[in-house]
Amino acid sequence: FRDHGIKDAFFLLLLTITTAAIPVFSSSVVCIFNGACFGP
């Protein structure tokens, strides 16, 4: 599960940026998923 590379990190980062930039969305779930996928 944690053996994912730069490509996955890039898309998760992109997902974090867009959810933080759009007022109606929250980036909290994505941020929690980032910690689960790539560690603290």
All heavy atoms as atom14 arrays in JSON, in Angstrom:
{
  "sequence": "FRDHGIKDAFFLLLLTITTAAIPVFSSSVVCIFNGACFGP",
  "atom14_mask": [
    [1, 1, 1, 1, 1, 1, 1, 1, 1, 1, 1, 0, 0, 0],
    [1, 1, 1, 1, 1, 1, 1, 1, 1, 1, 1, 0, 0, 0],
    [1, 1, 1, 1, 1, 1, 1, 1, 0, 0, 0, 0, 0, 0],
    [1, 1, 1, 1, 1, 1, 1, 1, 1, 1, 0, 0, 0, 0],
    [1, 1, 1, 1, 0, 0, 0, 0, 0, 0, 0, 0, 0, 0],
    [1, 1, 1, 1, 1, 1, 1, 1, 0, 0, 0, 0, 0, 0],
    [1, 1, 1, 1, 1, 1, 1, 1, 1, 0, 0, 0, 0, 0],
    [1, 1, 1, 1, 1, 1, 1, 1, 0, 0, 0, 0, 0, 0],
    [1, 1, 1, 1, 1, 0, 0, 0, 0, 0, 0, 0, 0, 0],
    [1, 1, 1, 1, 1, 1, 1, 1, 1, 1, 1, 0, 0, 0],
    [1, 1, 1, 1, 1, 1, 1, 1, 1, 1, 1, 0, 0, 0],
    [1, 1, 1, 1, 1, 1, 1, 1, 0, 0, 0, 0, 0, 0],
    [1, 1, 1, 1, 1, 1, 1, 1, 0, 0, 0, 0, 0, 0],
    [1, 1, 1, 1, 1, 1, 1, 1, 0, 0, 0, 0, 0, 0],
    [1, 1, 1, 1, 1, 1, 1, 1, 0, 0, 0, 0, 0, 0],
    [1, 1, 1, 1, 1, 1, 1, 0, 0, 0, 0, 0, 0, 0],
    [1, 1, 1, 1, 1, 1, 1, 1, 0, 0, 0, 0, 0, 0],
    [1, 1, 1, 1, 1, 1, 1, 0, 0, 0, 0, 0, 0, 0],
    [1, 1, 1, 1, 1, 1, 1, 0, 0, 0, 0, 0, 0, 0],
    [1, 1, 1, 1, 1, 0, 0, 0, 0, 0, 0, 0, 0, 0],
    [1, 1, 1, 1, 1, 0, 0, 0, 0, 0, 0, 0, 0, 0],
    [1, 1, 1, 1, 1, 1, 1, 1, 0, 0, 0, 0, 0, 0],
    [1, 1, 1, 1, 1, 1, 1, 0, 0, 0, 0, 0, 0, 0],
    [1, 1, 1, 1, 1, 1, 1, 0, 0, 0, 0, 0, 0, 0],
    [1, 1, 1, 1, 1, 1, 1, 1, 1, 1, 1, 0, 0, 0],
    [1, 1, 1, 1, 1, 1, 0, 0, 0, 0, 0, 0, 0, 0],
    [1, 1, 1, 1, 1, 1, 0, 0, 0, 0, 0, 0, 0, 0],
    [1, 1, 1, 1, 1, 1, 0, 0, 0, 0, 0, 0, 0, 0],
    [1, 1, 1, 1, 1, 1, 1, 0, 0, 0, 0, 0, 0, 0],
    [1, 1, 1, 1, 1, 1, 1, 0, 0, 0, 0, 0, 0, 0],
    [1, 1, 1, 1, 1, 1, 0, 0, 0, 0, 0, 0, 0, 0],
    [1, 1, 1, 1, 1, 1, 1, 1, 0, 0, 0, 0, 0, 0],
    [1, 1, 1, 1, 1, 1, 1, 1, 1, 1, 1, 0, 0, 0],
    [1, 1, 1, 1, 1, 1, 1, 1, 0, 0, 0, 0, 0, 0],
    [1, 1, 1, 1, 0, 0, 0, 0, 0, 0, 0, 0, 0, 0],
    [1, 1, 1, 1, 1, 0, 0, 0, 0, 0, 0, 0, 0, 0],
    [1, 1, 1, 1, 1, 1, 0, 0, 0, 0, 0, 0, 0, 0],
    [1, 1, 1, 1, 1, 1, 1, 1, 1, 1, 1, 0, 0, 0],
    [1, 1, 1, 1, 0, 0, 0, 0, 0, 0, 0, 0, 0, 0],
    [1, 1, 1, 1, 1, 1, 1, 0, 0, 0, 0, 0, 0, 0]
  ],
  "atom14_positions": [
    [[0.82, -1.21, 0.0], [0.0, 0.0, 0.0], [0.86, 1.26, 0.0], [0.51, 2.26, -0.63], [-0.92, -0.02, 1.22], [-1.94, 1.08, 1.22], [-3.11, 0.98, 0.48], [-1.73, 2.23, 1.96], [-4.05, 1.98, 0.48], [-2.67, 3.26, 1.97], [-3.83, 3.13, 1.23], [0.0, 0.0, 0.0], [0.0, 0.0, 0.0], [0.0, 0.0, 0.0]],
    [[1.96, 1.19, 0.7], [2.83, 2.37, 0.78], [3.96, 2.34, -0.25], [4.83, 3.19, -0.23], [3.42, 2.49, 2.19], [2.41, 3.04, 3.18], [3.02, 3.46, 4.47], [2.08, 4.24, 5.26], [2.31, 4.61, 6.52], [3.45, 4.27, 7.12], [1.41, 5.33, 7.17], [0.0, 0.0, 0.0], [0.0, 0.0, 0.0], [0.0, 0.0, 0.0]],
    [[3.93, 1.35, -1.11], [4.96, 1.25, -2.15], [4.5, 1.97, -3.42], [4.46, 1.4, -4.5], [5.27, -0.22, -2.45], [6.51, -0.36, -3.32], [7.36, 0.55, -3.29], [6.62, -1.38, -4.03], [0.0, 0.0, 0.0], [0.0, 0.0, 0.0], [0.0, 0.0, 0.0], [0.0, 0.0, 0.0], [0.0, 0.0, 0.0], [0.0, 0.0, 0.0]],
    [[4.12, 3.23, -3.27], [3.7, 4.05, -4.41], [4.72, 5.15, -4.63], [5.33, 5.66, -3.69], [2.32, 4.65, -4.16], [1.21, 3.64, -4.21], [0.49, 3.37, -5.35], [0.71, 2.8, -3.25], [-0.41, 2.45, -5.1], [-0.29, 2.07, -3.84], [0.0, 0.0, 0.0], [0.0, 0.0, 0.0], [0.0, 0.0, 0.0], [0.0, 0.0, 0.0]],
    [[4.87, 5.54, -5.89], [5.93, 6.45, -6.24], [5.5, 7.9, -6.42], [4.48, 8.34, -5.91], [0.0, 0.0, 0.0], [0.0, 0.0, 0.0], [0.0, 0.0, 0.0], [0.0, 0.0, 0.0], [0.0, 0.0, 0.0], [0.0, 0.0, 0.0], [0.0, 0.0, 0.0], [0.0, 0.0, 0.0], [0.0, 0.0, 0.0], [0.0, 0.0, 0.0]],
    [[6.33, 8.59, -7.21], [6.15, 10.03, -7.42], [4.84, 10.32, -8.14], [4.18, 11.33, -7.86], [7.34, 10.6, -8.22], [8.63, 10.42, -7.4], [7.13, 12.07, -8.55], [9.87, 10.87, -8.13], [0.0, 0.0, 0.0], [0.0, 0.0, 0.0], [0.0, 0.0, 0.0], [0.0, 0.0, 0.0], [0.0, 0.0, 0.0], [0.0, 0.0, 0.0]],
    [[4.44, 9.45, -9.06], [3.22, 9.7, -9.83], [2.01, 9.76, -8.91], [1.16, 10.66, -9.05], [3.04, 8.61, -10.89], [1.84, 8.82, -11.79], [1.82, 7.8, -12.92], [1.64, 6.39, -12.41], [1.49, 5.4, -13.5], [0.0, 0.0, 0.0], [0.0, 0.0, 0.0], [0.0, 0.0, 0.0], [0.0, 0.0, 0.0], [0.0, 0.0, 0.0]],
    [[1.92, 8.82, -8.0], [0.79, 8.81, -7.05], [0.85, 10.03, -6.13], [-0.19, 10.64, -5.83], [0.8, 7.54, -6.22], [0.66, 6.3, -7.08], [-0.47, 5.94, -7.4], [1.69, 5.72, -7.45], [0.0, 0.0, 0.0], [0.0, 0.0, 0.0], [0.0, 0.0, 0.0], [0.0, 0.0, 0.0], [0.0, 0.0, 0.0], [0.0, 0.0, 0.0]],
    [[2.05, 10.37, -5.68], [2.22, 11.53, -4.8], [1.8, 12.81, -5.54], [1.18, 13.7, -4.94], [3.66, 11.64, -4.34], [0.0, 0.0, 0.0], [0.0, 0.0, 0.0], [0.0, 0.0, 0.0], [0.0, 0.0, 0.0], [0.0, 0.0, 0.0], [0.0, 0.0, 0.0], [0.0, 0.0, 0.0], [0.0, 0.0, 0.0], [0.0, 0.0, 0.0]],
    [[2.13, 12.89, -6.83], [1.78, 14.08, -7.61], [0.26, 14.25, -7.71], [-0.27, 15.34, -7.51], [2.38, 13.98, -9.02], [1.86, 15.03, -9.96], [2.32, 16.34, -9.89], [0.9, 14.71, -10.91], [1.83, 17.32, -10.75], [0.41, 15.67, -11.78], [0.88, 16.98, -11.71], [0.0, 0.0, 0.0], [0.0, 0.0, 0.0], [0.0, 0.0, 0.0]],
    [[-0.45, 13.16, -8.0], [-1.9, 13.26, -8.15], [-2.58, 13.52, -6.8], [-3.58, 14.24, -6.73], [-2.47, 12.01, -8.8], [-2.35, 12.02, -10.3], [-1.32, 11.32, -10.93], [-3.23, 12.73, -11.08], [-1.2, 11.33, -12.31], [-3.12, 12.75, -12.46], [-2.1, 12.05, -13.08], [0.0, 0.0, 0.0], [0.0, 0.0, 0.0], [0.0, 0.0, 0.0]],
    [[-2.05, 12.96, -5.74], [-2.6, 13.26, -4.42], [-2.33, 14.72, -4.05], [-3.18, 15.38, -3.43], [-2.0, 12.32, -3.38], [-2.63, 10.94, -3.27], [-1.82, 10.04, -2.35], [-4.07, 11.04, -2.78], [0.0, 0.0, 0.0], [0.0, 0.0, 0.0], [0.0, 0.0, 0.0], [0.0, 0.0, 0.0], [0.0, 0.0, 0.0], [0.0, 0.0, 0.0]],
    [[-1.16, 15.21, -4.42], [-0.84, 16.62, -4.18], [-1.77, 17.52, -4.97], [-2.27, 18.54, -4.47], [0.62, 16.9, -4.55], [1.12, 18.35, -4.36], [1.04, 18.74, -2.89], [2.55, 18.49, -4.87], [0.0, 0.0, 0.0], [0.0, 0.0, 0.0], [0.0, 0.0, 0.0], [0.0, 0.0, 0.0], [0.0, 0.0, 0.0], [0.0, 0.0, 0.0]],
    [[-2.03, 17.15, -6.22], [-2.95, 17.9, -7.08], [-4.35, 17.89, -6.48], [-5.07, 18.91, -6.51], [-2.96, 17.31, -8.48], [-3.7, 18.09, -9.57], [-3.09, 19.46, -9.77], [-3.69, 17.31, -10.88], [0.0, 0.0, 0.0], [0.0, 0.0, 0.0], [0.0, 0.0, 0.0], [0.0, 0.0, 0.0], [0.0, 0.0, 0.0], [0.0, 0.0, 0.0]],
    [[-4.74, 16.75, -5.94], [-6.05, 16.62, -5.31], [-6.13, 17.51, -4.07], [-7.17, 18.14, -3.8], [-6.28, 15.16, -4.93], [-7.72, 14.69, -4.7], [-8.58, 14.92, -5.93], [-7.74, 13.22, -4.32], [0.0, 0.0, 0.0], [0.0, 0.0, 0.0], [0.0, 0.0, 0.0], [0.0, 0.0, 0.0], [0.0, 0.0, 0.0], [0.0, 0.0, 0.0]],
    [[-5.04, 17.59, -3.33], [-5.0, 18.45, -2.14], [-5.11, 19.92, -2.52], [-5.83, 20.68, -1.87], [-3.69, 18.21, -1.36], [-3.5, 16.82, -1.13], [-3.72, 18.94, -0.02], [0.0, 0.0, 0.0], [0.0, 0.0, 0.0], [0.0, 0.0, 0.0], [0.0, 0.0, 0.0], [0.0, 0.0, 0.0], [0.0, 0.0, 0.0], [0.0, 0.0, 0.0]],
    [[-4.41, 20.31, -3.57], [-4.44, 21.71, -4.02], [-5.83, 22.12, -4.46], [-6.35, 23.18, -4.06], [-3.43, 21.93, -5.17], [-2.0, 21.74, -4.67], [-3.59, 23.34, -5.76], [-0.96, 21.75, -5.79], [0.0, 0.0, 0.0], [0.0, 0.0, 0.0], [0.0, 0.0, 0.0], [0.0, 0.0, 0.0], [0.0, 0.0, 0.0], [0.0, 0.0, 0.0]],
    [[-6.47, 21.28, -5.28], [-7.78, 21.64, -5.82], [-8.86, 21.66, -4.73], [-9.72, 22.54, -4.73], [-8.21, 20.66, -6.93], [-8.06, 19.31, -6.47], [-7.35, 20.84, -8.17], [0.0, 0.0, 0.0], [0.0, 0.0, 0.0], [0.0, 0.0, 0.0], [0.0, 0.0, 0.0], [0.0, 0.0, 0.0], [0.0, 0.0, 0.0], [0.0, 0.0, 0.0]],
    [[-8.82, 20.72, -3.79], [-9.82, 20.73, -2.72], [-9.61, 21.91, -1.78], [-10.57, 22.41, -1.18], [-9.78, 19.42, -1.9], [-8.43, 19.14, -1.5], [-10.3, 18.26, -2.72], [0.0, 0.0, 0.0], [0.0, 0.0, 0.0], [0.0, 0.0, 0.0], [0.0, 0.0, 0.0], [0.0, 0.0, 0.0], [0.0, 0.0, 0.0], [0.0, 0.0, 0.0]],
    [[-8.36, 22.36, -1.64], [-8.09, 23.53, -0.8], [-8.47, 24.83, -1.51], [-8.82, 25.82, -0.86], [-6.61, 23.58, -0.41], [0.0, 0.0, 0.0], [0.0, 0.0, 0.0], [0.0, 0.0, 0.0], [0.0, 0.0, 0.0], [0.0, 0.0, 0.0], [0.0, 0.0, 0.0], [0.0, 0.0, 0.0], [0.0, 0.0, 0.0], [0.0, 0.0, 0.0]],
    [[-8.43, 24.82, -2.84], [-8.7, 26.04, -3.61], [-10.18, 26.27, -3.86], [-10.61, 27.41, -4.05], [-7.96, 25.99, -4.95], [0.0, 0.0, 0.0], [0.0, 0.0, 0.0], [0.0, 0.0, 0.0], [0.0, 0.0, 0.0], [0.0, 0.0, 0.0], [0.0, 0.0, 0.0], [0.0, 0.0, 0.0], [0.0, 0.0, 0.0], [0.0, 0.0, 0.0]],
    [[-10.99, 25.2, -3.88], [-12.43, 25.34, -4.13], [-13.15, 25.5, -2.8], [-13.06, 24.62, -1.93], [-12.98, 24.11, -4.88], [-12.22, 23.89, -6.19], [-14.47, 24.29, -5.17], [-12.64, 22.66, -6.95], [0.0, 0.0, 0.0], [0.0, 0.0, 0.0], [0.0, 0.0, 0.0], [0.0, 0.0, 0.0], [0.0, 0.0, 0.0], [0.0, 0.0, 0.0]],
    [[-13.88, 26.6, -2.6], [-14.51, 26.88, -1.3], [-15.46, 25.8, -0.82], [-15.57, 25.56, 0.37], [-15.26, 28.2, -1.55], [-14.52, 28.85, -2.67], [-14.04, 27.73, -3.54], [0.0, 0.0, 0.0], [0.0, 0.0, 0.0], [0.0, 0.0, 0.0], [0.0, 0.0, 0.0], [0.0, 0.0, 0.0], [0.0, 0.0, 0.0], [0.0, 0.0, 0.0]],
    [[-16.19, 25.14, -1.72], [-17.21, 24.18, -1.29], [-16.63, 22.82, -0.91], [-17.36, 21.96, -0.41], [-18.27, 23.98, -2.4], [-19.03, 25.26, -2.64], [-17.63, 23.49, -3.69], [0.0, 0.0, 0.0], [0.0, 0.0, 0.0], [0.0, 0.0, 0.0], [0.0, 0.0, 0.0], [0.0, 0.0, 0.0], [0.0, 0.0, 0.0], [0.0, 0.0, 0.0]],
    [[-15.34, 22.61, -1.13], [-14.71, 21.33, -0.8], [-13.81, 21.48, 0.42], [-13.36, 22.57, 0.76], [-13.89, 20.8, -1.97], [-14.73, 20.29, -3.11], [-14.98, 21.1, -4.22], [-15.26, 19.02, -3.09], [-15.75, 20.64, -5.27], [-16.04, 18.55, -4.14], [-16.28, 19.37, -5.23], [0.0, 0.0, 0.0], [0.0, 0.0, 0.0], [0.0, 0.0, 0.0]],
    [[-13.55, 20.35, 1.07], [-12.62, 20.32, 2.19], [-11.46, 19.39, 1.85], [-11.67, 18.29, 1.32], [-13.34, 19.83, 3.45], [-12.42, 19.65, 4.51], [0.0, 0.0, 0.0], [0.0, 0.0, 0.0], [0.0, 0.0, 0.0], [0.0, 0.0, 0.0], [0.0, 0.0, 0.0], [0.0, 0.0, 0.0], [0.0, 0.0, 0.0], [0.0, 0.0, 0.0]],
    [[-10.27, 19.82, 2.18], [-9.08, 19.02, 1.88], [-8.72, 18.08, 3.02], [-7.74, 17.34, 2.92], [-7.89, 19.95, 1.58], [-7.62, 20.78, 2.71], [0.0, 0.0, 0.0], [0.0, 0.0, 0.0], [0.0, 0.0, 0.0], [0.0, 0.0, 0.0], [0.0, 0.0, 0.0], [0.0, 0.0, 0.0], [0.0, 0.0, 0.0], [0.0, 0.0, 0.0]],
    [[-9.5, 18.08, 4.09], [-9.14, 17.3, 5.28], [-9.06, 15.8, 5.0], [-8.12, 15.13, 5.44], [-10.15, 17.57, 6.41], [-11.47, 17.26, 5.99], [0.0, 0.0, 0.0], [0.0, 0.0, 0.0], [0.0, 0.0, 0.0], [0.0, 0.0, 0.0], [0.0, 0.0, 0.0], [0.0, 0.0, 0.0], [0.0, 0.0, 0.0], [0.0, 0.0, 0.0]],
    [[-10.04, 15.26, 4.25], [-10.04, 13.82, 3.96], [-8.82, 13.45, 3.12], [-8.17, 12.43, 3.37], [-11.34, 13.42, 3.23], [-11.29, 11.95, 2.83], [-12.55, 13.68, 4.12], [0.0, 0.0, 0.0], [0.0, 0.0, 0.0], [0.0, 0.0, 0.0], [0.0, 0.0, 0.0], [0.0, 0.0, 0.0], [0.0, 0.0, 0.0], [0.0, 0.0, 0.0]],
    [[-8.5, 14.27, 2.13], [-7.34, 14.01, 1.28], [-6.06, 14.08, 2.1], [-5.14, 13.27, 1.93], [-7.28, 15.02, 0.12], [-6.09, 14.72, -0.8], [-8.57, 15.01, -0.67], [0.0, 0.0, 0.0], [0.0, 0.0, 0.0], [0.0, 0.0, 0.0], [0.0, 0.0, 0.0], [0.0, 0.0, 0.0], [0.0, 0.0, 0.0], [0.0, 0.0, 0.0]],
    [[-5.98, 15.06, 3.01], [-4.79, 15.21, 3.86], [-4.6, 13.99, 4.76], [-3.47, 13.54, 4.98], [-4.9, 16.48, 4.69], [-4.75, 18.01, 3.75], [0.0, 0.0, 0.0], [0.0, 0.0, 0.0], [0.0, 0.0, 0.0], [0.0, 0.0, 0.0], [0.0, 0.0, 0.0], [0.0, 0.0, 0.0], [0.0, 0.0, 0.0], [0.0, 0.0, 0.0]],
    [[-5.7, 13.48, 5.29], [-5.62, 12.28, 6.12], [-5.14, 11.08, 5.27], [-4.32, 10.28, 5.71], [-6.99, 11.97, 6.76], [-7.32, 13.05, 7.8], [-6.99, 10.59, 7.42], [-8.73, 12.94, 8.36], [0.0, 0.0, 0.0], [0.0, 0.0, 0.0], [0.0, 0.0, 0.0], [0.0, 0.0, 0.0], [0.0, 0.0, 0.0], [0.0, 0.0, 0.0]],
    [[-5.66, 10.99, 4.05], [-5.26, 9.92, 3.14], [-3.78, 10.03, 2.78], [-3.09, 9.02, 2.64], [-6.12, 9.98, 1.88], [-6.02, 8.75, 1.01], [-6.55, 7.54, 1.45], [-5.41, 8.8, -0.23], [-6.46, 6.4, 0.66], [-5.32, 7.67, -1.02], [-5.84, 6.47, -0.58], [0.0, 0.0, 0.0], [0.0, 0.0, 0.0], [0.0, 0.0, 0.0]],
    [[-3.27, 11.26, 2.65], [-1.84, 11.46, 2.38], [-0.99, 10.86, 3.49], [0.03, 10.22, 3.24], [-1.53, 12.96, 2.24], [-2.1, 13.55, 0.98], [-2.42, 12.85, 0.02], [-2.25, 14.87, 0.95], [0.0, 0.0, 0.0], [0.0, 0.0, 0.0], [0.0, 0.0, 0.0], [0.0, 0.0, 0.0], [0.0, 0.0, 0.0], [0.0, 0.0, 0.0]],
    [[-1.43, 11.09, 4.74], [-0.69, 10.53, 5.87], [-0.75, 9.03, 5.9], [0.22, 8.36, 6.26], [0.0, 0.0, 0.0], [0.0, 0.0, 0.0], [0.0, 0.0, 0.0], [0.0, 0.0, 0.0], [0.0, 0.0, 0.0], [0.0, 0.0, 0.0], [0.0, 0.0, 0.0], [0.0, 0.0, 0.0], [0.0, 0.0, 0.0], [0.0, 0.0, 0.0]],
    [[-1.91, 8.47, 5.5], [-2.05, 7.02, 5.48], [-1.2, 6.38, 4.39], [-0.63, 5.31, 4.58], [-3.53, 6.65, 5.29], [0.0, 0.0, 0.0], [0.0, 0.0, 0.0], [0.0, 0.0, 0.0], [0.0, 0.0, 0.0], [0.0, 0.0, 0.0], [0.0, 0.0, 0.0], [0.0, 0.0, 0.0], [0.0, 0.0, 0.0], [0.0, 0.0, 0.0]],
    [[-1.1, 7.05, 3.24], [-0.38, 6.49, 2.09], [1.13, 6.65, 2.18], [1.88, 5.76, 1.78], [-0.88, 7.13, 0.8], [-2.58, 6.74, 0.38], [0.0, 0.0, 0.0], [0.0, 0.0, 0.0], [0.0, 0.0, 0.0], [0.0, 0.0, 0.0], [0.0, 0.0, 0.0], [0.0, 0.0, 0.0], [0.0, 0.0, 0.0], [0.0, 0.0, 0.0]],
    [[1.58, 7.79, 2.68], [3.01, 8.09, 2.64], [3.65, 8.31, 4.0], [4.8, 8.7, 4.09], [3.25, 9.32, 1.75], [2.99, 9.07, 0.3], [1.74, 9.34, -0.26], [3.97, 8.54, -0.52], [1.49, 9.1, -1.6], [3.73, 8.3, -1.86], [2.49, 8.58, -2.4], [0.0, 0.0, 0.0], [0.0, 0.0, 0.0], [0.0, 0.0, 0.0]],
    [[2.9, 8.08, 5.07], [3.47, 8.23, 6.4], [3.39, 9.67, 6.89], [3.06, 10.59, 6.14], [0.0, 0.0, 0.0], [0.0, 0.0, 0.0], [0.0, 0.0, 0.0], [0.0, 0.0, 0.0], [0.0, 0.0, 0.0], [0.0, 0.0, 0.0], [0.0, 0.0, 0.0], [0.0, 0.0, 0.0], [0.0, 0.0, 0.0], [0.0, 0.0, 0.0]],
    [[3.71, 9.89, 8.16], [3.55, 11.22, 8.76], [4.47, 12.3, 8.2], [4.05, 13.45, 8.08], [3.83, 10.97, 10.25], [4.67, 9.74, 10.28], [4.21, 8.91, 9.13], [0.0, 0.0, 0.0], [0.0, 0.0, 0.0], [0.0, 0.0, 0.0], [0.0, 0.0, 0.0], [0.0, 0.0, 0.0], [0.0, 0.0, 0.0], [0.0, 0.0, 0.0]]
  ]
}
